[in-house]
Amino acid sequence: MSDSSDLKKAGLKATLPRLKILSMMEEAKEPHMSAEGIYKSLLESGEEVGLATVYRVLTQFETAGLVIRHNFEGGRAVFELNQGHHHDHMVCVECGKVFEFFDPAIEARQRKIAEKSGFVMEEHSLYIYGTCEGMKKNGVCSKKAKTTGMA
């Protein structure tokens, strides 16, 4: 999605900061990035983009549907590219890693609960907070921030 035509399809002009931020998010090993993390990565790669610009571009991307913002407990917000499929998240409260998962049984149960209550569910999010196995056993995250159990 890093070319200018994809940004234009989303209703955005292909400016250099937008292209750099979008490219950075597409190439990142960690799919959930904070604005500060993106800013730091841009600086480390020699790009001169201000933190305010990163926040502004991420907000524009969110409005255009290119990224999804997740506001985790503790005021921590992260962004991920909108891949067009639903998934939920587990957040390690020790190391801060975010792990994606998808469980058809959980999804079906949520739909049934909403339906039974006469509620039309438009969207939802599920965040599970806990401690990853590596942090619990060794004080070091042993998990890699990767997609798990995606269908």
N, C-alpha and C. Protein backbone atom coordinates (compact mmCIF):
# COMPACT_ATOMS: atom_id res chain seq x y z
N MET A 1 0.82 -1.19 0.00
CA MET A 1 0.00 0.00 0.00
C MET A 1 0.86 1.25 0.00
N SER A 2 2.15 1.13 -0.17
CA SER A 2 3.02 2.28 0.03
C SER A 2 3.16 3.19 -1.18
N ASP A 3 2.38 2.98 -2.22
CA ASP A 3 2.51 3.92 -3.33
C ASP A 3 1.43 4.99 -3.26
N SER A 4 1.65 6.04 -4.03
CA SER A 4 0.77 7.20 -3.94
C SER A 4 -0.66 6.90 -4.36
N SER A 5 -0.87 5.94 -5.26
CA SER A 5 -2.24 5.65 -5.69
C SER A 5 -3.08 5.08 -4.56
N ASP A 6 -2.45 4.31 -3.68
CA ASP A 6 -3.20 3.76 -2.54
C ASP A 6 -3.61 4.85 -1.56
N LEU A 7 -2.74 5.82 -1.35
CA LEU A 7 -3.10 6.94 -0.48
C LEU A 7 -4.22 7.75 -1.12
N LYS A 8 -4.14 7.95 -2.43
CA LYS A 8 -5.18 8.71 -3.13
C LYS A 8 -6.53 8.00 -3.06
N LYS A 9 -6.52 6.66 -3.13
CA LYS A 9 -7.76 5.89 -3.01
C LYS A 9 -8.39 6.12 -1.64
N ALA A 10 -7.55 6.36 -0.64
CA ALA A 10 -8.04 6.62 0.71
C ALA A 10 -8.40 8.09 0.90
N GLY A 11 -8.27 8.89 -0.15
CA GLY A 11 -8.63 10.29 -0.09
C GLY A 11 -7.54 11.19 0.46
N LEU A 12 -6.29 10.72 0.43
CA LEU A 12 -5.16 11.50 0.95
C LEU A 12 -4.15 11.78 -0.14
N LYS A 13 -3.55 12.96 -0.08
CA LYS A 13 -2.47 13.28 -1.01
C LYS A 13 -1.23 12.49 -0.60
N ALA A 14 -0.44 12.14 -1.57
CA ALA A 14 0.77 11.36 -1.32
C ALA A 14 1.93 12.28 -0.96
N THR A 15 1.94 12.78 0.28
CA THR A 15 3.03 13.63 0.73
C THR A 15 4.17 12.74 1.21
N LEU A 16 5.36 13.30 1.26
CA LEU A 16 6.52 12.54 1.69
C LEU A 16 6.37 12.00 3.11
N PRO A 17 5.91 12.79 4.10
CA PRO A 17 5.74 12.23 5.44
C PRO A 17 4.73 11.07 5.47
N ARG A 18 3.64 11.18 4.73
CA ARG A 18 2.65 10.10 4.70
C ARG A 18 3.26 8.84 4.11
N LEU A 19 3.98 8.99 3.01
CA LEU A 19 4.60 7.83 2.37
C LEU A 19 5.63 7.18 3.29
N LYS A 20 6.42 8.00 3.98
CA LYS A 20 7.45 7.46 4.89
C LYS A 20 6.81 6.71 6.05
N ILE A 21 5.77 7.28 6.64
CA ILE A 21 5.11 6.65 7.80
C ILE A 21 4.41 5.37 7.37
N LEU A 22 3.72 5.40 6.25
CA LEU A 22 3.04 4.21 5.76
C LEU A 22 4.05 3.10 5.45
N SER A 23 5.13 3.46 4.80
CA SER A 23 6.19 2.49 4.49
C SER A 23 6.78 1.90 5.77
N MET A 24 7.02 2.74 6.75
CA MET A 24 7.59 2.29 8.03
C MET A 24 6.65 1.27 8.69
N MET A 25 5.36 1.54 8.66
CA MET A 25 4.40 0.64 9.30
C MET A 25 4.31 -0.68 8.53
N GLU A 26 4.39 -0.62 7.22
CA GLU A 26 4.31 -1.85 6.42
C GLU A 26 5.53 -2.73 6.61
N GLU A 27 6.68 -2.13 6.82
CA GLU A 27 7.93 -2.89 6.93
C GLU A 27 8.29 -3.27 8.36
N ALA A 28 7.56 -2.78 9.33
CA ALA A 28 7.88 -3.01 10.73
C ALA A 28 7.69 -4.48 11.11
N LYS A 29 8.59 -4.97 11.96
CA LYS A 29 8.47 -6.33 12.47
C LYS A 29 7.33 -6.42 13.48
N GLU A 30 7.11 -5.35 14.20
CA GLU A 30 6.05 -5.27 15.22
C GLU A 30 4.85 -4.59 14.59
N PRO A 31 3.70 -5.29 14.47
CA PRO A 31 2.55 -4.69 13.79
C PRO A 31 1.82 -3.62 14.61
N HIS A 32 2.09 -3.52 15.90
CA HIS A 32 1.43 -2.54 16.76
C HIS A 32 2.46 -1.53 17.20
N MET A 33 2.34 -0.31 16.68
CA MET A 33 3.35 0.71 16.95
C MET A 33 2.73 1.96 17.55
N SER A 34 3.42 2.54 18.50
CA SER A 34 2.98 3.82 19.05
C SER A 34 3.49 4.93 18.14
N ALA A 35 2.89 6.11 18.27
CA ALA A 35 3.35 7.26 17.49
C ALA A 35 4.80 7.57 17.84
N GLU A 36 5.13 7.46 19.11
CA GLU A 36 6.50 7.72 19.54
C GLU A 36 7.47 6.70 18.96
N GLY A 37 7.04 5.44 18.88
CA GLY A 37 7.88 4.40 18.29
C GLY A 37 8.13 4.64 16.81
N ILE A 38 7.10 5.05 16.10
CA ILE A 38 7.24 5.37 14.68
C ILE A 38 8.20 6.55 14.52
N TYR A 39 8.01 7.57 15.34
CA TYR A 39 8.87 8.75 15.30
C TYR A 39 10.33 8.37 15.54
N LYS A 40 10.57 7.55 16.56
CA LYS A 40 11.93 7.12 16.89
C LYS A 40 12.55 6.32 15.74
N SER A 41 11.78 5.43 15.14
CA SER A 41 12.27 4.63 14.02
C SER A 41 12.60 5.52 12.82
N LEU A 42 11.77 6.52 12.58
CA LEU A 42 12.05 7.44 11.49
C LEU A 42 13.34 8.21 11.72
N LEU A 43 13.54 8.68 12.96
CA LEU A 43 14.78 9.39 13.29
C LEU A 43 15.99 8.49 13.11
N GLU A 44 15.87 7.24 13.58
CA GLU A 44 16.99 6.29 13.48
C GLU A 44 17.34 5.97 12.03
N SER A 45 16.36 6.07 11.14
CA SER A 45 16.62 5.78 9.72
C SER A 45 17.03 7.05 8.95
N GLY A 46 17.21 8.15 9.69
CA GLY A 46 17.68 9.38 9.06
C GLY A 46 16.59 10.27 8.49
N GLU A 47 15.36 9.96 8.74
CA GLU A 47 14.24 10.76 8.23
C GLU A 47 13.99 11.93 9.18
N GLU A 48 13.68 13.07 8.61
CA GLU A 48 13.40 14.25 9.41
C GLU A 48 11.91 14.54 9.38
N VAL A 49 11.20 13.90 10.29
CA VAL A 49 9.76 14.09 10.42
C VAL A 49 9.50 14.38 11.90
N GLY A 50 8.75 15.42 12.19
CA GLY A 50 8.48 15.79 13.56
C GLY A 50 7.44 14.90 14.21
N LEU A 51 7.47 14.83 15.53
CA LEU A 51 6.52 14.02 16.28
C LEU A 51 5.09 14.49 16.03
N ALA A 52 4.88 15.80 15.97
CA ALA A 52 3.53 16.33 15.70
C ALA A 52 3.04 15.87 14.32
N THR A 53 3.94 15.80 13.36
CA THR A 53 3.58 15.32 12.02
C THR A 53 3.17 13.86 12.08
N VAL A 54 3.91 13.05 12.84
CA VAL A 54 3.57 11.63 12.97
C VAL A 54 2.16 11.49 13.56
N TYR A 55 1.87 12.21 14.62
CA TYR A 55 0.52 12.16 15.21
C TYR A 55 -0.55 12.60 14.21
N ARG A 56 -0.29 13.68 13.50
CA ARG A 56 -1.25 14.20 12.54
C ARG A 56 -1.51 13.19 11.42
N VAL A 57 -0.44 12.59 10.89
CA VAL A 57 -0.58 11.62 9.80
C VAL A 57 -1.31 10.38 10.29
N LEU A 58 -1.00 9.90 11.49
CA LEU A 58 -1.69 8.71 12.02
C LEU A 58 -3.18 8.99 12.21
N THR A 59 -3.52 10.18 12.66
CA THR A 59 -4.92 10.55 12.80
C THR A 59 -5.61 10.58 11.43
N GLN A 60 -4.92 11.11 10.44
CA GLN A 60 -5.46 11.12 9.08
C GLN A 60 -5.64 9.70 8.54
N PHE A 61 -4.65 8.85 8.79
CA PHE A 61 -4.74 7.45 8.37
C PHE A 61 -5.91 6.74 9.05
N GLU A 62 -6.10 7.04 10.33
CA GLU A 62 -7.21 6.43 11.07
C GLU A 62 -8.55 6.87 10.48
N THR A 63 -8.69 8.16 10.22
CA THR A 63 -9.93 8.70 9.64
C THR A 63 -10.20 8.09 8.27
N ALA A 64 -9.14 7.85 7.50
CA ALA A 64 -9.28 7.28 6.16
C ALA A 64 -9.45 5.76 6.19
N GLY A 65 -9.32 5.16 7.38
CA GLY A 65 -9.48 3.70 7.49
C GLY A 65 -8.24 2.90 7.16
N LEU A 66 -7.09 3.54 7.05
CA LEU A 66 -5.85 2.83 6.73
C LEU A 66 -5.24 2.16 7.96
N VAL A 67 -5.44 2.77 9.13
CA VAL A 67 -4.92 2.19 10.37
C VAL A 67 -6.04 2.12 11.40
N ILE A 68 -5.80 1.28 12.38
CA ILE A 68 -6.72 1.15 13.51
C ILE A 68 -5.94 1.56 14.76
N ARG A 69 -6.57 2.41 15.56
CA ARG A 69 -5.97 2.84 16.83
C ARG A 69 -6.54 1.98 17.94
N HIS A 70 -5.65 1.49 18.79
CA HIS A 70 -6.06 0.74 19.97
C HIS A 70 -5.59 1.53 21.19
N ASN A 71 -6.51 1.81 22.10
CA ASN A 71 -6.18 2.52 23.32
C ASN A 71 -6.16 1.53 24.47
N PHE A 72 -4.96 1.04 24.78
CA PHE A 72 -4.82 0.07 25.85
C PHE A 72 -4.78 0.78 27.19
N GLU A 73 -5.01 0.02 28.25
CA GLU A 73 -5.01 0.59 29.60
C GLU A 73 -3.69 1.30 29.89
N GLY A 74 -3.76 2.29 30.74
CA GLY A 74 -2.57 3.05 31.07
C GLY A 74 -2.31 4.18 30.08
N GLY A 75 -3.31 4.47 29.24
CA GLY A 75 -3.18 5.55 28.29
C GLY A 75 -2.31 5.23 27.09
N ARG A 76 -1.98 3.98 26.93
CA ARG A 76 -1.10 3.57 25.83
C ARG A 76 -1.90 3.36 24.56
N ALA A 77 -1.59 4.11 23.52
CA ALA A 77 -2.25 3.96 22.23
C ALA A 77 -1.25 3.39 21.23
N VAL A 78 -1.70 2.40 20.47
CA VAL A 78 -0.88 1.85 19.40
C VAL A 78 -1.70 1.82 18.12
N PHE A 79 -1.01 1.78 17.02
CA PHE A 79 -1.64 1.78 15.71
C PHE A 79 -1.21 0.54 14.95
N GLU A 80 -2.13 -0.01 14.17
CA GLU A 80 -1.78 -1.11 13.29
C GLU A 80 -2.46 -0.88 11.94
N LEU A 81 -1.84 -1.37 10.89
CA LEU A 81 -2.43 -1.25 9.57
C LEU A 81 -3.74 -2.01 9.54
N ASN A 82 -4.73 -1.45 8.89
CA ASN A 82 -6.03 -2.11 8.76
C ASN A 82 -5.91 -3.15 7.65
N GLN A 83 -5.84 -4.41 8.04
CA GLN A 83 -5.69 -5.51 7.08
C GLN A 83 -7.04 -6.05 6.63
N GLY A 84 -8.12 -5.49 7.15
CA GLY A 84 -9.45 -5.88 6.69
C GLY A 84 -10.03 -7.12 7.36
N HIS A 85 -9.35 -7.65 8.37
CA HIS A 85 -9.91 -8.80 9.07
C HIS A 85 -9.92 -8.51 10.58
N HIS A 86 -10.90 -9.07 11.23
CA HIS A 86 -11.04 -8.84 12.67
C HIS A 86 -10.14 -9.79 13.46
N HIS A 87 -9.60 -9.27 14.53
CA HIS A 87 -8.86 -10.09 15.49
C HIS A 87 -8.89 -9.36 16.83
N ASP A 88 -8.56 -10.10 17.86
CA ASP A 88 -8.53 -9.53 19.21
C ASP A 88 -7.09 -9.48 19.69
N HIS A 89 -6.90 -8.94 20.89
CA HIS A 89 -5.54 -8.71 21.38
C HIS A 89 -5.34 -9.17 22.81
N MET A 90 -4.14 -9.68 23.07
CA MET A 90 -3.67 -9.95 24.42
C MET A 90 -2.49 -9.00 24.65
N VAL A 91 -2.48 -8.34 25.80
CA VAL A 91 -1.45 -7.36 26.11
C VAL A 91 -0.72 -7.80 27.37
N CYS A 92 0.61 -7.95 27.25
CA CYS A 92 1.41 -8.30 28.42
C CYS A 92 1.62 -7.02 29.24
N VAL A 93 1.19 -7.06 30.49
CA VAL A 93 1.31 -5.87 31.34
C VAL A 93 2.74 -5.68 31.85
N GLU A 94 3.60 -6.66 31.64
CA GLU A 94 5.00 -6.56 32.07
C GLU A 94 5.90 -6.02 30.97
N CYS A 95 5.88 -6.67 29.80
CA CYS A 95 6.81 -6.28 28.73
C CYS A 95 6.15 -5.36 27.70
N GLY A 96 4.81 -5.25 27.74
CA GLY A 96 4.10 -4.36 26.83
C GLY A 96 3.82 -4.92 25.45
N LYS A 97 4.25 -6.14 25.18
CA LYS A 97 4.01 -6.73 23.86
C LYS A 97 2.52 -6.96 23.65
N VAL A 98 2.10 -6.82 22.40
CA VAL A 98 0.71 -7.03 22.02
C VAL A 98 0.67 -8.23 21.08
N PHE A 99 -0.19 -9.19 21.41
CA PHE A 99 -0.31 -10.41 20.61
C PHE A 99 -1.72 -10.49 20.05
N GLU A 100 -1.81 -10.82 18.78
CA GLU A 100 -3.11 -10.94 18.12
C GLU A 100 -3.60 -12.38 18.20
N PHE A 101 -4.92 -12.52 18.28
CA PHE A 101 -5.51 -13.85 18.18
C PHE A 101 -6.91 -13.75 17.61
N PHE A 102 -7.38 -14.85 17.10
CA PHE A 102 -8.73 -14.95 16.58
C PHE A 102 -9.29 -16.29 17.02
N ASP A 103 -10.49 -16.27 17.61
CA ASP A 103 -11.12 -17.50 18.05
C ASP A 103 -12.57 -17.49 17.59
N PRO A 104 -12.92 -18.39 16.66
CA PRO A 104 -14.29 -18.41 16.14
C PRO A 104 -15.34 -18.63 17.22
N ALA A 105 -15.03 -19.41 18.24
CA ALA A 105 -16.00 -19.67 19.32
C ALA A 105 -16.30 -18.39 20.10
N ILE A 106 -15.26 -17.61 20.38
CA ILE A 106 -15.47 -16.33 21.08
C ILE A 106 -16.30 -15.39 20.22
N GLU A 107 -16.00 -15.33 18.94
CA GLU A 107 -16.74 -14.45 18.03
C GLU A 107 -18.21 -14.85 17.97
N ALA A 108 -18.47 -16.15 17.84
CA ALA A 108 -19.85 -16.64 17.78
C ALA A 108 -20.60 -16.33 19.08
N ARG A 109 -19.93 -16.52 20.20
CA ARG A 109 -20.56 -16.27 21.50
C ARG A 109 -20.94 -14.79 21.65
N GLN A 110 -20.07 -13.91 21.23
CA GLN A 110 -20.36 -12.48 21.32
C GLN A 110 -21.56 -12.11 20.44
N ARG A 111 -21.62 -12.68 19.23
CA ARG A 111 -22.76 -12.40 18.35
C ARG A 111 -24.05 -12.92 18.97
N LYS A 112 -24.01 -14.11 19.56
CA LYS A 112 -25.20 -14.69 20.18
C LYS A 112 -25.67 -13.85 21.36
N ILE A 113 -24.75 -13.40 22.17
CA ILE A 113 -25.10 -12.56 23.33
C ILE A 113 -25.77 -11.27 22.86
N ALA A 114 -25.18 -10.63 21.86
CA ALA A 114 -25.77 -9.39 21.34
C ALA A 114 -27.15 -9.66 20.76
N GLU A 115 -27.28 -10.72 19.96
CA GLU A 115 -28.54 -11.06 19.33
C GLU A 115 -29.62 -11.35 20.37
N LYS A 116 -29.27 -12.14 21.38
CA LYS A 116 -30.21 -12.50 22.45
C LYS A 116 -30.71 -11.27 23.20
N SER A 117 -29.87 -10.27 23.29
CA SER A 117 -30.24 -9.03 23.99
C SER A 117 -30.93 -8.03 23.07
N GLY A 118 -31.13 -8.41 21.81
CA GLY A 118 -31.76 -7.49 20.86
C GLY A 118 -30.84 -6.36 20.45
N PHE A 119 -29.57 -6.63 20.50
CA PHE A 119 -28.56 -5.62 20.21
C PHE A 119 -27.93 -5.93 18.87
N VAL A 120 -27.83 -4.94 18.01
CA VAL A 120 -27.19 -5.12 16.71
C VAL A 120 -25.73 -4.69 16.84
N MET A 121 -24.84 -5.68 16.84
CA MET A 121 -23.41 -5.40 17.01
C MET A 121 -22.84 -4.89 15.68
N GLU A 122 -22.21 -3.74 15.75
CA GLU A 122 -21.58 -3.18 14.56
C GLU A 122 -20.09 -3.48 14.53
N GLU A 123 -19.48 -3.41 15.67
CA GLU A 123 -18.08 -3.77 15.82
C GLU A 123 -17.80 -4.00 17.28
N HIS A 124 -16.67 -4.60 17.56
CA HIS A 124 -16.30 -4.84 18.96
C HIS A 124 -14.80 -5.04 19.05
N SER A 125 -14.29 -4.96 20.27
CA SER A 125 -12.88 -5.26 20.51
C SER A 125 -12.77 -5.99 21.83
N LEU A 126 -11.83 -6.90 21.87
CA LEU A 126 -11.57 -7.67 23.08
C LEU A 126 -10.09 -7.55 23.38
N TYR A 127 -9.78 -7.05 24.57
CA TYR A 127 -8.40 -6.94 25.02
C TYR A 127 -8.26 -7.79 26.27
N ILE A 128 -7.31 -8.69 26.26
CA ILE A 128 -7.02 -9.51 27.43
C ILE A 128 -5.68 -9.03 27.98
N TYR A 129 -5.66 -8.66 29.25
CA TYR A 129 -4.45 -8.19 29.90
C TYR A 129 -3.92 -9.27 30.82
N GLY A 130 -2.63 -9.51 30.75
CA GLY A 130 -2.01 -10.53 31.58
C GLY A 130 -0.51 -10.44 31.45
N THR A 131 0.15 -11.52 31.82
CA THR A 131 1.61 -11.58 31.75
C THR A 131 2.00 -12.72 30.84
N CYS A 132 2.83 -12.43 29.85
CA CYS A 132 3.26 -13.49 28.93
C CYS A 132 4.14 -14.49 29.69
N GLU A 133 4.21 -15.68 29.16
CA GLU A 133 4.91 -16.78 29.83
C GLU A 133 6.37 -16.45 30.14
N GLY A 134 7.07 -15.84 29.21
CA GLY A 134 8.48 -15.50 29.42
C GLY A 134 8.68 -14.53 30.57
N MET A 135 7.84 -13.52 30.65
CA MET A 135 7.95 -12.54 31.74
C MET A 135 7.63 -13.19 33.08
N LYS A 136 6.63 -14.06 33.07
CA LYS A 136 6.23 -14.70 34.32
C LYS A 136 7.31 -15.63 34.86
N LYS A 137 7.93 -16.40 33.96
CA LYS A 137 8.92 -17.39 34.39
C LYS A 137 10.32 -16.83 34.55
N ASN A 138 10.74 -15.95 33.61
CA ASN A 138 12.13 -15.53 33.57
C ASN A 138 12.35 -14.02 33.66
N GLY A 139 11.27 -13.25 33.64
CA GLY A 139 11.41 -11.81 33.66
C GLY A 139 11.86 -11.24 32.32
N VAL A 140 11.83 -12.08 31.28
CA VAL A 140 12.21 -11.65 29.93
C VAL A 140 11.16 -12.18 28.97
N CYS A 141 10.70 -11.34 28.08
CA CYS A 141 9.67 -11.77 27.14
C CYS A 141 10.25 -12.83 26.21
N SER A 142 9.62 -14.00 26.19
CA SER A 142 10.07 -15.09 25.33
C SER A 142 9.23 -15.19 24.07
N LYS A 143 8.20 -14.38 24.01
CA LYS A 143 7.32 -14.43 22.85
C LYS A 143 7.78 -13.42 21.81
N LYS A 144 7.52 -13.74 20.59
CA LYS A 144 7.77 -12.80 19.52
C LYS A 144 6.44 -12.16 19.20
N ALA A 145 6.44 -10.88 18.93
CA ALA A 145 5.20 -10.19 18.57
C ALA A 145 4.80 -10.63 17.17
N LYS A 146 4.03 -11.68 17.11
CA LYS A 146 3.59 -12.19 15.82
C LYS A 146 2.14 -12.59 15.93
N THR A 147 1.55 -12.79 14.81
CA THR A 147 0.16 -13.19 14.75
C THR A 147 0.06 -14.63 15.22
N THR A 148 -0.90 -14.90 16.12
CA THR A 148 -1.10 -16.26 16.58
C THR A 148 -2.55 -16.64 16.39
N GLY A 149 -2.79 -17.81 15.90
CA GLY A 149 -4.15 -18.33 15.80
C GLY A 149 -5.05 -17.59 14.85
N MET A 150 -4.50 -16.92 13.87
CA MET A 150 -5.34 -16.19 12.93
C MET A 150 -5.99 -17.17 11.97
N ALA A 151 -7.27 -16.98 11.71
CA ALA A 151 -7.95 -17.85 10.77
C ALA A 151 -8.07 -17.20 9.43
